[in-house]
Amino acid sequence: MSGNSITMDLDQLLQAEQELDLILRELRENEREARLLYDKLNTWKGQSADKLRIKVEVFFYHLDTKTQILLKQKQEMLDAIQRIKEADGSY
């Protein structure tokens, strides 16, 4: 692989990392807002409220699972960036 190709791959990975950071930041902000709304469900009573709480809890579970996957992919991306930098030797 030539140096130009490594630089291009590195630039693409660095841009992807920035985009992933933005996505993760937005997910966390949205989750915070959703949890604030969820906390308000505690004042609701009845079977409908219970069903809605369960649905929201399932949503949070899936959100957490997807967030963990994104964090794992980010770490893999950071590892790839480090390997490219080491292989290139100029970083």
C-alpha atoms as a PDB file:
ATOM      1  CA  MET A   1       0.000   0.000   0.000  1.00  0.00           C
ATOM      2  CA  SER A   2       1.445   3.374  -0.909  1.00  0.00           C
ATOM      3  CA  GLY A   3       1.743   6.328   1.445  1.00  0.00           C
ATOM      4  CA  ASN A   4      -0.993   8.257  -0.361  1.00  0.00           C
ATOM      5  CA  SER A   5      -3.399   5.375   0.050  1.00  0.00           C
ATOM      6  CA  ILE A   6      -2.606   5.112   3.752  1.00  0.00           C
ATOM      7  CA  THR A   7      -3.140   8.858   4.178  1.00  0.00           C
ATOM      8  CA  MET A   8      -6.465   8.679   2.384  1.00  0.00           C
ATOM      9  CA  ASP A   9      -7.570   5.698   4.482  1.00  0.00           C
ATOM     10  CA  LEU A  10      -6.437   7.464   7.641  1.00  0.00           C
ATOM     11  CA  ASP A  11      -8.249  10.667   6.707  1.00  0.00           C
ATOM     12  CA  GLN A  12     -11.419   8.684   6.006  1.00  0.00           C
ATOM     13  CA  LEU A  13     -11.159   6.861   9.337  1.00  0.00           C
ATOM     14  CA  LEU A  14     -10.557  10.118  11.212  1.00  0.00           C
ATOM     15  CA  GLN A  15     -13.600  11.683   9.547  1.00  0.00           C
ATOM     16  CA  ALA A  16     -15.681   8.591  10.338  1.00  0.00           C
ATOM     17  CA  GLU A  17     -14.543   8.795  13.963  1.00  0.00           C
ATOM     18  CA  GLN A  18     -15.681  12.426  14.178  1.00  0.00           C
ATOM     19  CA  GLU A  19     -19.050  11.517  12.664  1.00  0.00           C
ATOM     20  CA  LEU A  20     -19.431   8.601  15.067  1.00  0.00           C
ATOM     21  CA  ASP A  21     -18.612  10.894  17.998  1.00  0.00           C
ATOM     22  CA  LEU A  22     -21.342  13.268  16.825  1.00  0.00           C
ATOM     23  CA  ILE A  23     -23.857  10.428  16.547  1.00  0.00           C
ATOM     24  CA  LEU A  24     -22.974   9.139  20.016  1.00  0.00           C
ATOM     25  CA  ARG A  25     -23.246  12.636  21.501  1.00  0.00           C
ATOM     26  CA  GLU A  26     -26.677  13.122  19.914  1.00  0.00           C
ATOM     27  CA  LEU A  27     -27.805   9.689  21.128  1.00  0.00           C
ATOM     28  CA  ARG A  28     -26.784  10.555  24.685  1.00  0.00           C
ATOM     29  CA  GLU A  29     -28.587  13.902  24.543  1.00  0.00           C
ATOM     30  CA  ASN A  30     -31.726  12.256  23.170  1.00  0.00           C
ATOM     31  CA  GLU A  31     -31.535   9.543  25.796  1.00  0.00           C
ATOM     32  CA  ARG A  32     -31.292  12.155  28.543  1.00  0.00           C
ATOM     33  CA  GLU A  33     -34.400  13.893  27.217  1.00  0.00           C
ATOM     34  CA  ALA A  34     -36.246  10.579  26.891  1.00  0.00           C
ATOM     35  CA  ARG A  35     -35.343   9.638  30.470  1.00  0.00           C
ATOM     36  CA  LEU A  36     -36.684  12.963  31.726  1.00  0.00           C
ATOM     37  CA  LEU A  37     -39.962  12.220  29.968  1.00  0.00           C
ATOM     38  CA  TYR A  38     -39.901   8.657  31.278  1.00  0.00           C
ATOM     39  CA  ASP A  39     -39.528   9.943  34.833  1.00  0.00           C
ATOM     40  CA  LYS A  40     -42.781  11.858  34.360  1.00  0.00           C
ATOM     41  CA  LEU A  41     -44.511   8.537  33.625  1.00  0.00           C
ATOM     42  CA  ASN A  42     -44.190   7.697  37.322  1.00  0.00           C
ATOM     43  CA  THR A  43     -47.101  10.032  38.018  1.00  0.00           C
ATOM     44  CA  TRP A  44     -49.313   8.181  35.543  1.00  0.00           C
ATOM     45  CA  LYS A  45     -51.567   5.439  36.871  1.00  0.00           C
ATOM     46  CA  GLY A  46     -53.369   2.512  35.343  1.00  0.00           C
ATOM     47  CA  GLN A  47     -52.836  -0.299  32.909  1.00  0.00           C
ATOM     48  CA  SER A  48     -52.053   1.985  29.949  1.00  0.00           C
ATOM     49  CA  ALA A  49     -49.320   3.696  31.941  1.00  0.00           C
ATOM     50  CA  ASP A  50     -47.851   0.323  32.900  1.00  0.00           C
ATOM     51  CA  LYS A  51     -47.839  -0.819  29.273  1.00  0.00           C
ATOM     52  CA  LEU A  52     -46.199   2.405  28.159  1.00  0.00           C
ATOM     53  CA  ARG A  53     -43.534   2.114  30.885  1.00  0.00           C
ATOM     54  CA  ILE A  54     -42.698  -1.398  29.688  1.00  0.00           C
ATOM     55  CA  LYS A  55     -42.402  -0.218  26.083  1.00  0.00           C
ATOM     56  CA  VAL A  56     -40.135   2.654  27.101  1.00  0.00           C
ATOM     57  CA  GLU A  57     -37.970   0.327  29.203  1.00  0.00           C
ATOM     58  CA  VAL A  58     -37.596  -2.009  26.217  1.00  0.00           C
ATOM     59  CA  PHE A  59     -36.664   1.009  24.097  1.00  0.00           C
ATOM     60  CA  PHE A  60     -33.957   2.011  26.608  1.00  0.00           C
ATOM     61  CA  TYR A  61     -32.628  -1.545  26.636  1.00  0.00           C
ATOM     62  CA  HIS A  62     -32.305  -1.564  22.837  1.00  0.00           C
ATOM     63  CA  LEU A  63     -30.841   1.930  22.829  1.00  0.00           C
ATOM     64  CA  ASP A  64     -28.200   0.844  25.327  1.00  0.00           C
ATOM     65  CA  THR A  65     -27.407  -2.248  23.257  1.00  0.00           C
ATOM     66  CA  LYS A  66     -26.987  -0.197  20.067  1.00  0.00           C
ATOM     67  CA  THR A  67     -24.892   2.396  21.903  1.00  0.00           C
ATOM     68  CA  GLN A  68     -22.580  -0.329  23.193  1.00  0.00           C
ATOM     69  CA  ILE A  69     -22.196  -1.664  19.642  1.00  0.00           C
ATOM     70  CA  LEU A  70     -21.297   1.817  18.384  1.00  0.00           C
ATOM     71  CA  LEU A  71     -18.775   2.268  21.191  1.00  0.00           C
ATOM     72  CA  LYS A  72     -17.190  -1.084  20.319  1.00  0.00           C
ATOM     73  CA  GLN A  73     -17.007  -0.078  16.652  1.00  0.00           C
ATOM     74  CA  LYS A  74     -15.451   3.231  17.645  1.00  0.00           C
ATOM     75  CA  GLN A  75     -12.756   1.415  19.610  1.00  0.00           C
ATOM     76  CA  GLU A  76     -12.094  -0.859  16.632  1.00  0.00           C
ATOM     77  CA  MET A  77     -11.821   2.236  14.453  1.00  0.00           C
ATOM     78  CA  LEU A  78      -9.367   3.837  16.889  1.00  0.00           C
ATOM     79  CA  ASP A  79      -7.321   0.638  16.854  1.00  0.00           C
ATOM     80  CA  ALA A  80      -7.287   0.690  13.036  1.00  0.00           C
ATOM     81  CA  ILE A  81      -6.206   4.337  13.042  1.00  0.00           C
ATOM     82  CA  GLN A  82      -3.352   3.506  15.380  1.00  0.00           C
ATOM     83  CA  ARG A  83      -2.251   0.565  13.215  1.00  0.00           C
ATOM     84  CA  ILE A  84      -2.262   2.770  10.104  1.00  0.00           C
ATOM     85  CA  LYS A  85      -0.249   5.454  11.877  1.00  0.00           C
ATOM     86  CA  GLU A  86       2.280   2.870  13.000  1.00  0.00           C
ATOM     87  CA  ALA A  87       2.477   1.293   9.545  1.00  0.00           C
ATOM     88  CA  ASP A  88       2.933   4.679   7.888  1.00  0.00           C
ATOM     89  CA  GLY A  89       5.607   5.689  10.374  1.00  0.00           C
ATOM     90  CA  SER A  90       5.066   9.378   9.767  1.00  0.00           C
ATOM     91  CA  TYR A  91       2.646   9.945  12.634  1.00  0.00           C
END
